N, C-alpha and C. Protein backbone atom coordinates (compact mmCIF):
# COMPACT_ATOMS: atom_id res chain seq x y z
N MET A 1 49.55 18.22 60.46
CA MET A 1 49.61 17.86 59.05
C MET A 1 51.06 17.66 58.66
N LYS A 2 51.36 16.58 58.06
CA LYS A 2 52.70 16.36 57.53
C LYS A 2 52.81 17.07 56.19
N LYS A 3 54.00 17.59 55.92
CA LYS A 3 54.19 18.34 54.68
C LYS A 3 53.91 17.51 53.44
N LYS A 4 54.09 16.19 53.54
CA LYS A 4 53.86 15.34 52.37
C LYS A 4 52.41 15.39 51.91
N PHE A 5 51.50 15.80 52.80
CA PHE A 5 50.10 15.90 52.41
C PHE A 5 49.80 17.17 51.61
N GLY A 6 50.77 18.06 51.51
CA GLY A 6 50.59 19.30 50.75
C GLY A 6 50.20 19.04 49.31
N VAL A 7 50.85 18.07 48.68
CA VAL A 7 50.53 17.75 47.28
C VAL A 7 49.10 17.22 47.17
N ILE A 8 48.69 16.42 48.13
CA ILE A 8 47.32 15.90 48.12
C ILE A 8 46.32 17.05 48.25
N TRP A 9 46.61 18.01 49.15
CA TRP A 9 45.74 19.18 49.30
C TRP A 9 45.66 19.97 47.99
N VAL A 10 46.80 20.18 47.35
CA VAL A 10 46.82 20.92 46.08
C VAL A 10 45.94 20.19 45.06
N ILE A 11 46.11 18.88 44.95
CA ILE A 11 45.32 18.10 43.99
C ILE A 11 43.83 18.22 44.29
N LEU A 12 43.44 18.06 45.55
CA LEU A 12 42.02 18.17 45.91
C LEU A 12 41.45 19.55 45.58
N LEU A 13 42.21 20.59 45.88
CA LEU A 13 41.75 21.95 45.59
C LEU A 13 41.66 22.20 44.08
N VAL A 14 42.60 21.68 43.33
CA VAL A 14 42.56 21.83 41.87
C VAL A 14 41.36 21.09 41.31
N VAL A 15 41.10 19.89 41.79
CA VAL A 15 39.93 19.13 41.35
C VAL A 15 38.65 19.91 41.63
N LEU A 16 38.53 20.47 42.82
CA LEU A 16 37.36 21.27 43.15
C LEU A 16 37.21 22.46 42.19
N ASP A 17 38.31 23.15 41.94
CA ASP A 17 38.29 24.28 41.00
C ASP A 17 37.84 23.83 39.60
N GLN A 18 38.41 22.73 39.13
CA GLN A 18 38.09 22.25 37.78
C GLN A 18 36.64 21.78 37.69
N ILE A 19 36.13 21.17 38.74
CA ILE A 19 34.72 20.75 38.74
C ILE A 19 33.81 21.97 38.66
N THR A 20 34.10 23.01 39.43
CA THR A 20 33.26 24.21 39.39
C THR A 20 33.29 24.86 38.01
N LYS A 21 34.46 24.87 37.38
CA LYS A 21 34.57 25.45 36.04
C LYS A 21 33.81 24.61 35.01
N TYR A 22 33.91 23.30 35.15
CA TYR A 22 33.19 22.40 34.23
C TYR A 22 31.68 22.61 34.36
N VAL A 23 31.18 22.66 35.59
CA VAL A 23 29.75 22.86 35.83
C VAL A 23 29.32 24.22 35.28
N ALA A 24 30.11 25.25 35.57
CA ALA A 24 29.78 26.59 35.08
C ALA A 24 29.72 26.62 33.56
N GLN A 25 30.72 26.04 32.93
CA GLN A 25 30.75 26.03 31.47
C GLN A 25 29.59 25.23 30.91
N SER A 26 29.34 24.06 31.46
CA SER A 26 28.27 23.18 30.96
C SER A 26 26.90 23.84 31.05
N TYR A 27 26.67 24.55 32.13
CA TYR A 27 25.34 25.13 32.33
C TYR A 27 25.21 26.55 31.77
N LEU A 28 26.19 27.38 32.04
CA LEU A 28 26.05 28.80 31.74
C LEU A 28 26.20 29.14 30.26
N VAL A 29 26.99 28.38 29.52
CA VAL A 29 27.12 28.67 28.08
C VAL A 29 25.76 28.55 27.41
N ALA A 30 25.01 27.54 27.76
CA ALA A 30 23.70 27.31 27.13
C ALA A 30 22.60 28.17 27.73
N ASN A 31 22.68 28.49 29.00
CA ASN A 31 21.57 29.14 29.69
C ASN A 31 21.79 30.60 30.08
N GLY A 32 23.00 31.09 29.93
CA GLY A 32 23.26 32.48 30.28
C GLY A 32 23.43 32.67 31.77
N PRO A 33 23.61 33.93 32.18
CA PRO A 33 23.85 34.23 33.60
C PRO A 33 22.69 33.79 34.50
N VAL A 34 23.05 33.43 35.73
CA VAL A 34 22.07 33.01 36.73
C VAL A 34 22.23 33.89 37.96
N ASP A 35 21.16 34.58 38.34
CA ASP A 35 21.20 35.40 39.56
C ASP A 35 21.17 34.50 40.78
N VAL A 36 22.15 34.66 41.64
CA VAL A 36 22.16 33.98 42.93
C VAL A 36 21.47 34.89 43.94
N ILE A 37 21.87 36.15 43.93
CA ILE A 37 21.20 37.21 44.70
C ILE A 37 20.94 38.33 43.69
N LYS A 38 19.68 38.55 43.36
CA LYS A 38 19.31 39.47 42.30
C LYS A 38 20.01 40.83 42.45
N ASN A 39 20.63 41.24 41.35
CA ASN A 39 21.35 42.52 41.24
C ASN A 39 22.55 42.65 42.18
N VAL A 40 22.95 41.53 42.80
CA VAL A 40 24.11 41.56 43.70
C VAL A 40 25.18 40.58 43.23
N PHE A 41 24.81 39.30 43.10
CA PHE A 41 25.78 38.26 42.76
C PHE A 41 25.17 37.29 41.76
N GLN A 42 25.96 36.93 40.75
CA GLN A 42 25.46 35.97 39.77
C GLN A 42 26.58 35.08 39.24
N PHE A 43 26.17 33.96 38.68
CA PHE A 43 27.07 33.11 37.92
C PHE A 43 26.99 33.60 36.48
N HIS A 44 28.12 34.02 35.94
CA HIS A 44 28.17 34.65 34.62
C HIS A 44 29.41 34.13 33.90
N TYR A 45 29.22 33.34 32.86
CA TYR A 45 30.34 32.69 32.16
C TYR A 45 31.18 33.68 31.37
N LEU A 46 32.51 33.54 31.49
CA LEU A 46 33.44 34.38 30.73
C LEU A 46 34.69 33.58 30.41
N GLU A 47 35.15 33.69 29.19
CA GLU A 47 36.43 33.08 28.78
C GLU A 47 37.48 34.18 28.83
N ASN A 48 38.36 34.11 29.82
CA ASN A 48 39.34 35.16 30.08
C ASN A 48 40.70 34.76 29.50
N THR A 49 41.16 35.50 28.49
CA THR A 49 42.47 35.21 27.89
C THR A 49 43.58 36.01 28.55
N GLY A 50 43.23 36.81 29.56
CA GLY A 50 44.22 37.61 30.27
C GLY A 50 44.47 37.03 31.65
N ILE A 51 44.95 37.90 32.54
CA ILE A 51 45.11 37.49 33.95
C ILE A 51 44.08 38.25 34.75
N ALA A 52 44.37 38.53 36.00
CA ALA A 52 43.41 39.22 36.88
C ALA A 52 42.85 40.45 36.20
N PHE A 53 41.54 40.57 36.26
CA PHE A 53 40.81 41.71 35.72
C PHE A 53 40.98 41.85 34.21
N GLY A 54 41.33 40.75 33.51
CA GLY A 54 41.45 40.78 32.06
C GLY A 54 42.70 41.47 31.54
N LEU A 55 43.67 41.72 32.42
CA LEU A 55 44.91 42.37 31.98
C LEU A 55 45.77 41.41 31.17
N PHE A 56 46.61 41.96 30.32
CA PHE A 56 47.59 41.21 29.53
C PHE A 56 46.97 40.09 28.70
N LYS A 57 45.96 40.41 27.95
CA LYS A 57 45.27 39.41 27.13
C LYS A 57 46.22 38.81 26.09
N GLU A 58 45.98 37.54 25.78
CA GLU A 58 46.68 36.82 24.71
C GLU A 58 48.18 36.62 24.95
N LYS A 59 48.62 36.49 26.18
CA LYS A 59 50.04 36.27 26.49
C LYS A 59 50.24 34.85 27.03
N PHE A 60 49.79 33.85 26.29
CA PHE A 60 49.76 32.45 26.73
C PHE A 60 51.12 31.96 27.24
N ALA A 61 52.16 32.08 26.43
CA ALA A 61 53.47 31.55 26.81
C ALA A 61 53.99 32.24 28.08
N PHE A 62 53.81 33.54 28.16
CA PHE A 62 54.24 34.30 29.33
C PHE A 62 53.56 33.78 30.59
N PHE A 63 52.24 33.53 30.52
CA PHE A 63 51.49 33.05 31.68
C PHE A 63 51.97 31.67 32.12
N VAL A 64 52.18 30.78 31.18
CA VAL A 64 52.60 29.43 31.52
C VAL A 64 53.99 29.43 32.14
N VAL A 65 54.93 30.15 31.53
CA VAL A 65 56.29 30.21 32.06
C VAL A 65 56.30 30.86 33.44
N THR A 66 55.57 31.96 33.60
CA THR A 66 55.50 32.64 34.89
C THR A 66 54.91 31.73 35.95
N THR A 67 53.86 31.00 35.60
CA THR A 67 53.23 30.08 36.56
C THR A 67 54.20 28.98 36.98
N ILE A 68 54.95 28.44 36.04
CA ILE A 68 55.92 27.39 36.36
C ILE A 68 57.00 27.93 37.31
N ILE A 69 57.46 29.16 37.06
CA ILE A 69 58.46 29.77 37.95
C ILE A 69 57.88 29.98 39.34
N ILE A 70 56.66 30.49 39.42
CA ILE A 70 56.01 30.71 40.71
C ILE A 70 55.84 29.39 41.46
N LEU A 71 55.43 28.35 40.75
CA LEU A 71 55.26 27.04 41.39
C LEU A 71 56.60 26.48 41.88
N ALA A 72 57.67 26.72 41.13
CA ALA A 72 58.99 26.26 41.56
C ALA A 72 59.43 26.98 42.84
N VAL A 73 59.19 28.28 42.90
CA VAL A 73 59.54 29.06 44.10
C VAL A 73 58.70 28.59 45.29
N ILE A 74 57.40 28.39 45.08
CA ILE A 74 56.52 27.90 46.14
C ILE A 74 57.00 26.53 46.63
N GLY A 75 57.33 25.64 45.70
CA GLY A 75 57.82 24.31 46.06
C GLY A 75 59.10 24.38 46.87
N TYR A 76 60.01 25.25 46.47
CA TYR A 76 61.28 25.40 47.18
C TYR A 76 61.03 25.89 48.61
N ILE A 77 60.22 26.94 48.76
CA ILE A 77 59.94 27.48 50.09
C ILE A 77 59.21 26.45 50.95
N TYR A 78 58.25 25.76 50.35
CA TYR A 78 57.49 24.74 51.09
C TYR A 78 58.41 23.63 51.58
N TYR A 79 59.33 23.22 50.72
CA TYR A 79 60.28 22.15 51.07
C TYR A 79 61.21 22.60 52.20
N LYS A 80 61.67 23.84 52.15
CA LYS A 80 62.62 24.35 53.15
C LYS A 80 61.95 24.70 54.48
N MET A 81 60.66 24.93 54.47
CA MET A 81 59.94 25.35 55.67
C MET A 81 59.91 24.22 56.71
N PRO A 82 60.19 24.56 57.97
CA PRO A 82 60.11 23.54 59.02
C PRO A 82 58.69 22.94 59.08
N ASP A 83 58.63 21.66 59.33
CA ASP A 83 57.33 20.96 59.37
C ASP A 83 56.83 20.93 60.82
N THR A 84 56.47 22.12 61.31
CA THR A 84 55.97 22.24 62.67
C THR A 84 54.64 22.98 62.65
N LYS A 85 53.94 22.88 63.76
CA LYS A 85 52.63 23.52 63.89
C LYS A 85 52.74 25.04 63.67
N ARG A 86 53.83 25.63 64.09
CA ARG A 86 54.04 27.08 63.96
C ARG A 86 53.93 27.54 62.50
N TYR A 87 54.34 26.69 61.58
CA TYR A 87 54.38 27.09 60.16
C TYR A 87 53.18 26.59 59.35
N ARG A 88 52.20 25.95 59.99
CA ARG A 88 51.02 25.46 59.27
C ARG A 88 50.29 26.56 58.49
N PRO A 89 50.08 27.74 59.09
CA PRO A 89 49.40 28.78 58.31
C PRO A 89 50.15 29.15 57.03
N LEU A 90 51.47 29.23 57.11
CA LEU A 90 52.26 29.52 55.91
C LEU A 90 52.16 28.38 54.90
N GLN A 91 52.20 27.15 55.41
CA GLN A 91 52.07 26.00 54.51
C GLN A 91 50.74 26.04 53.76
N PHE A 92 49.66 26.32 54.48
CA PHE A 92 48.35 26.36 53.83
C PHE A 92 48.26 27.51 52.83
N CYS A 93 48.86 28.64 53.13
CA CYS A 93 48.88 29.73 52.16
C CYS A 93 49.56 29.30 50.87
N LEU A 94 50.71 28.65 51.00
CA LEU A 94 51.43 28.19 49.82
C LEU A 94 50.64 27.13 49.05
N ILE A 95 49.97 26.25 49.78
CA ILE A 95 49.13 25.22 49.15
C ILE A 95 48.02 25.86 48.33
N PHE A 96 47.34 26.85 48.90
CA PHE A 96 46.23 27.50 48.19
C PHE A 96 46.72 28.31 46.99
N ILE A 97 47.86 28.98 47.14
CA ILE A 97 48.41 29.74 46.00
C ILE A 97 48.79 28.78 44.88
N ALA A 98 49.44 27.68 45.24
CA ALA A 98 49.84 26.70 44.23
C ALA A 98 48.62 26.10 43.54
N ALA A 99 47.59 25.75 44.32
CA ALA A 99 46.38 25.16 43.73
C ALA A 99 45.71 26.15 42.77
N GLY A 100 45.64 27.41 43.15
CA GLY A 100 45.05 28.41 42.26
C GLY A 100 45.84 28.57 40.98
N ALA A 101 47.16 28.60 41.12
CA ALA A 101 48.02 28.74 39.94
C ALA A 101 47.87 27.54 39.01
N VAL A 102 47.85 26.34 39.58
CA VAL A 102 47.71 25.12 38.77
C VAL A 102 46.33 25.08 38.11
N GLY A 103 45.28 25.40 38.88
CA GLY A 103 43.93 25.37 38.32
C GLY A 103 43.78 26.28 37.11
N ASN A 104 44.30 27.49 37.20
CA ASN A 104 44.20 28.41 36.07
C ASN A 104 45.15 28.02 34.94
N MET A 105 46.32 27.44 35.28
CA MET A 105 47.24 27.01 34.23
C MET A 105 46.64 25.85 33.43
N ILE A 106 45.93 24.96 34.09
CA ILE A 106 45.26 23.87 33.37
C ILE A 106 44.31 24.46 32.33
N ASP A 107 43.52 25.44 32.73
CA ASP A 107 42.60 26.09 31.79
C ASP A 107 43.36 26.69 30.61
N ARG A 108 44.45 27.40 30.88
CA ARG A 108 45.21 28.04 29.80
C ARG A 108 45.76 27.02 28.82
N ILE A 109 46.27 25.91 29.35
CA ILE A 109 46.86 24.89 28.48
C ILE A 109 45.78 24.16 27.69
N VAL A 110 44.69 23.80 28.35
CA VAL A 110 43.63 23.02 27.69
C VAL A 110 42.77 23.89 26.77
N ASN A 111 42.39 25.09 27.23
CA ASN A 111 41.43 25.92 26.50
C ASN A 111 42.03 27.15 25.83
N ASN A 112 43.23 27.53 26.24
CA ASN A 112 43.85 28.79 25.83
C ASN A 112 43.13 30.00 26.44
N TYR A 113 42.36 29.77 27.47
CA TYR A 113 41.69 30.81 28.25
C TYR A 113 41.33 30.22 29.60
N VAL A 114 41.02 31.10 30.56
CA VAL A 114 40.60 30.67 31.89
C VAL A 114 39.10 30.88 32.00
N ILE A 115 38.42 29.88 32.54
CA ILE A 115 36.96 29.98 32.74
C ILE A 115 36.69 30.75 34.03
N ASP A 116 36.01 31.87 33.89
CA ASP A 116 35.59 32.68 35.04
C ASP A 116 34.07 32.65 35.08
N PHE A 117 33.49 32.72 36.28
CA PHE A 117 32.03 32.61 36.35
C PHE A 117 31.40 33.24 37.60
N LEU A 118 32.19 33.80 38.50
CA LEU A 118 31.66 34.42 39.71
C LEU A 118 31.66 35.93 39.52
N TYR A 119 30.50 36.55 39.66
CA TYR A 119 30.37 37.98 39.33
C TYR A 119 29.57 38.73 40.39
N PHE A 120 30.22 39.72 41.02
CA PHE A 120 29.52 40.62 41.93
C PHE A 120 28.98 41.78 41.11
N LYS A 121 27.75 41.62 40.68
CA LYS A 121 27.10 42.60 39.82
C LYS A 121 26.90 43.94 40.53
N LEU A 122 26.61 43.91 41.81
CA LEU A 122 26.33 45.12 42.57
C LEU A 122 27.46 46.14 42.44
N ILE A 123 28.70 45.68 42.50
CA ILE A 123 29.84 46.58 42.41
C ILE A 123 30.57 46.45 41.08
N ASP A 124 30.00 45.68 40.16
CA ASP A 124 30.58 45.46 38.83
C ASP A 124 32.05 45.02 38.94
N PHE A 125 32.29 44.10 39.89
CA PHE A 125 33.64 43.57 40.09
C PHE A 125 33.96 42.61 38.94
N PRO A 126 35.21 42.58 38.46
CA PRO A 126 35.54 41.66 37.37
C PRO A 126 35.17 40.21 37.71
N ILE A 127 34.76 39.48 36.69
CA ILE A 127 34.35 38.08 36.86
C ILE A 127 35.59 37.25 37.19
N PHE A 128 35.44 36.31 38.14
CA PHE A 128 36.57 35.51 38.60
C PHE A 128 36.12 34.07 38.83
N ASN A 129 37.02 33.23 39.36
CA ASN A 129 36.71 31.81 39.57
C ASN A 129 37.24 31.34 40.92
N VAL A 130 37.05 30.08 41.21
CA VAL A 130 37.46 29.51 42.50
C VAL A 130 38.98 29.58 42.68
N ALA A 131 39.74 29.29 41.63
CA ALA A 131 41.20 29.37 41.72
C ALA A 131 41.65 30.78 42.07
N ASP A 132 40.99 31.77 41.50
CA ASP A 132 41.31 33.16 41.83
C ASP A 132 41.04 33.43 43.31
N CYS A 133 39.97 32.85 43.84
CA CYS A 133 39.66 33.00 45.27
C CYS A 133 40.78 32.40 46.12
N TYR A 134 41.25 31.21 45.72
CA TYR A 134 42.35 30.58 46.46
C TYR A 134 43.53 31.54 46.56
N VAL A 135 43.95 32.05 45.40
CA VAL A 135 45.15 32.89 45.35
C VAL A 135 44.94 34.19 46.11
N THR A 136 43.83 34.86 45.87
CA THR A 136 43.58 36.15 46.50
C THR A 136 43.51 36.04 48.01
N CYS A 137 42.74 35.09 48.50
CA CYS A 137 42.61 34.92 49.96
C CYS A 137 43.93 34.49 50.59
N ALA A 138 44.63 33.57 49.95
CA ALA A 138 45.91 33.09 50.50
C ALA A 138 46.96 34.19 50.53
N VAL A 139 47.02 34.99 49.48
CA VAL A 139 47.99 36.10 49.46
C VAL A 139 47.64 37.12 50.54
N ALA A 140 46.36 37.41 50.74
CA ALA A 140 45.96 38.35 51.79
C ALA A 140 46.35 37.82 53.17
N VAL A 141 46.08 36.55 53.43
CA VAL A 141 46.45 35.95 54.72
C VAL A 141 47.98 35.92 54.86
N LEU A 142 48.67 35.56 53.80
CA LEU A 142 50.13 35.52 53.81
C LEU A 142 50.70 36.90 54.16
N PHE A 143 50.15 37.92 53.56
CA PHE A 143 50.58 39.30 53.83
C PHE A 143 50.43 39.63 55.32
N VAL A 144 49.28 39.31 55.89
CA VAL A 144 49.03 39.57 57.32
C VAL A 144 49.99 38.76 58.18
N LEU A 145 50.17 37.49 57.84
CA LEU A 145 51.09 36.64 58.62
C LEU A 145 52.51 37.20 58.61
N LEU A 146 52.98 37.59 57.43
CA LEU A 146 54.35 38.08 57.33
C LEU A 146 54.53 39.43 58.02
N LEU A 147 53.49 40.24 58.04
CA LEU A 147 53.59 41.54 58.70
C LEU A 147 53.44 41.47 60.22
N PHE A 148 52.53 40.60 60.69
CA PHE A 148 52.15 40.67 62.10
C PHE A 148 52.42 39.42 62.94
N VAL A 149 52.69 38.29 62.31
CA VAL A 149 52.83 37.06 63.09
C VAL A 149 54.27 36.56 63.15
N TYR A 150 54.91 36.46 62.00
CA TYR A 150 56.26 35.89 61.96
C TYR A 150 57.32 36.97 62.05
N LYS A 151 58.36 36.67 62.81
CA LYS A 151 59.51 37.56 62.91
C LYS A 151 60.49 37.20 61.80
N ASP A 152 61.31 38.16 61.43
CA ASP A 152 62.28 37.93 60.35
C ASP A 152 63.14 36.68 60.59
N GLU A 153 63.58 36.50 61.83
CA GLU A 153 64.46 35.36 62.13
C GLU A 153 63.74 34.01 61.98
N GLU A 154 62.41 34.02 62.01
CA GLU A 154 61.65 32.78 61.81
C GLU A 154 61.57 32.40 60.33
N LEU A 155 61.94 33.31 59.47
CA LEU A 155 61.84 33.05 58.03
C LEU A 155 63.21 32.86 57.38
N THR A 156 64.24 32.72 58.19
CA THR A 156 65.58 32.54 57.64
C THR A 156 65.75 31.21 56.92
N PHE A 157 64.86 30.27 57.15
CA PHE A 157 64.96 28.97 56.47
C PHE A 157 64.93 29.14 54.95
N ILE A 158 64.34 30.21 54.47
CA ILE A 158 64.25 30.43 53.01
C ILE A 158 65.64 30.67 52.44
N GLN A 159 66.45 31.51 53.10
CA GLN A 159 67.78 31.81 52.59
C GLN A 159 68.81 30.75 52.97
N LYS A 160 68.76 30.30 54.20
CA LYS A 160 69.80 29.43 54.71
C LYS A 160 69.47 27.95 54.63
N GLY A 161 68.25 27.63 54.33
CA GLY A 161 67.86 26.21 54.36
C GLY A 161 67.80 25.69 55.78
N ASN A 162 67.67 26.59 56.75
CA ASN A 162 67.63 26.22 58.15
C ASN A 162 66.32 25.51 58.48
N LYS A 163 66.40 24.29 58.98
CA LYS A 163 65.20 23.54 59.34
C LYS A 163 65.04 23.47 60.84
N LYS A 164 65.49 24.50 61.52
CA LYS A 164 65.39 24.55 62.98
C LYS A 164 63.93 24.44 63.42
N GLU A 165 63.68 23.53 64.31
CA GLU A 165 62.31 23.33 64.83
C GLU A 165 62.00 24.40 65.84
N ARG A 166 60.76 24.80 65.90
CA ARG A 166 60.35 25.79 66.90
C ARG A 166 59.24 25.22 67.71
């Protein structure tokens, strides 16, 4: 994958996120929750004015500014990262984090809230959406990669702008 396709991946993932939110809103507002697996998992519409787990409600400007800063950092790291097969997992993590951030930022700007609709009723887990899945899974994979796969010297491109191929 060439790094230039990263933006295309982000756009495709954001479109998928926005389509799922549109469908959830269109159907669930009028019809209420839908059990996918009875008493385990359901589609349940929620307008979330906070961040993860409903924290920091009503902080619109803070969320937008923070998201823009996070996207700038992701863009910088993605740009500096060598475009080799060795770094593909890191590239995909950054792509998924960026797509999740953009998907939720679109909701905040357009609606002043984020549309959440995925609910694990069995464990009463907070309601979330596809963009949240992108970010959560990508951060978990990124954490594992940084702890167990990449050596410190392989990540010096972030500080030095080193584009050494491996």
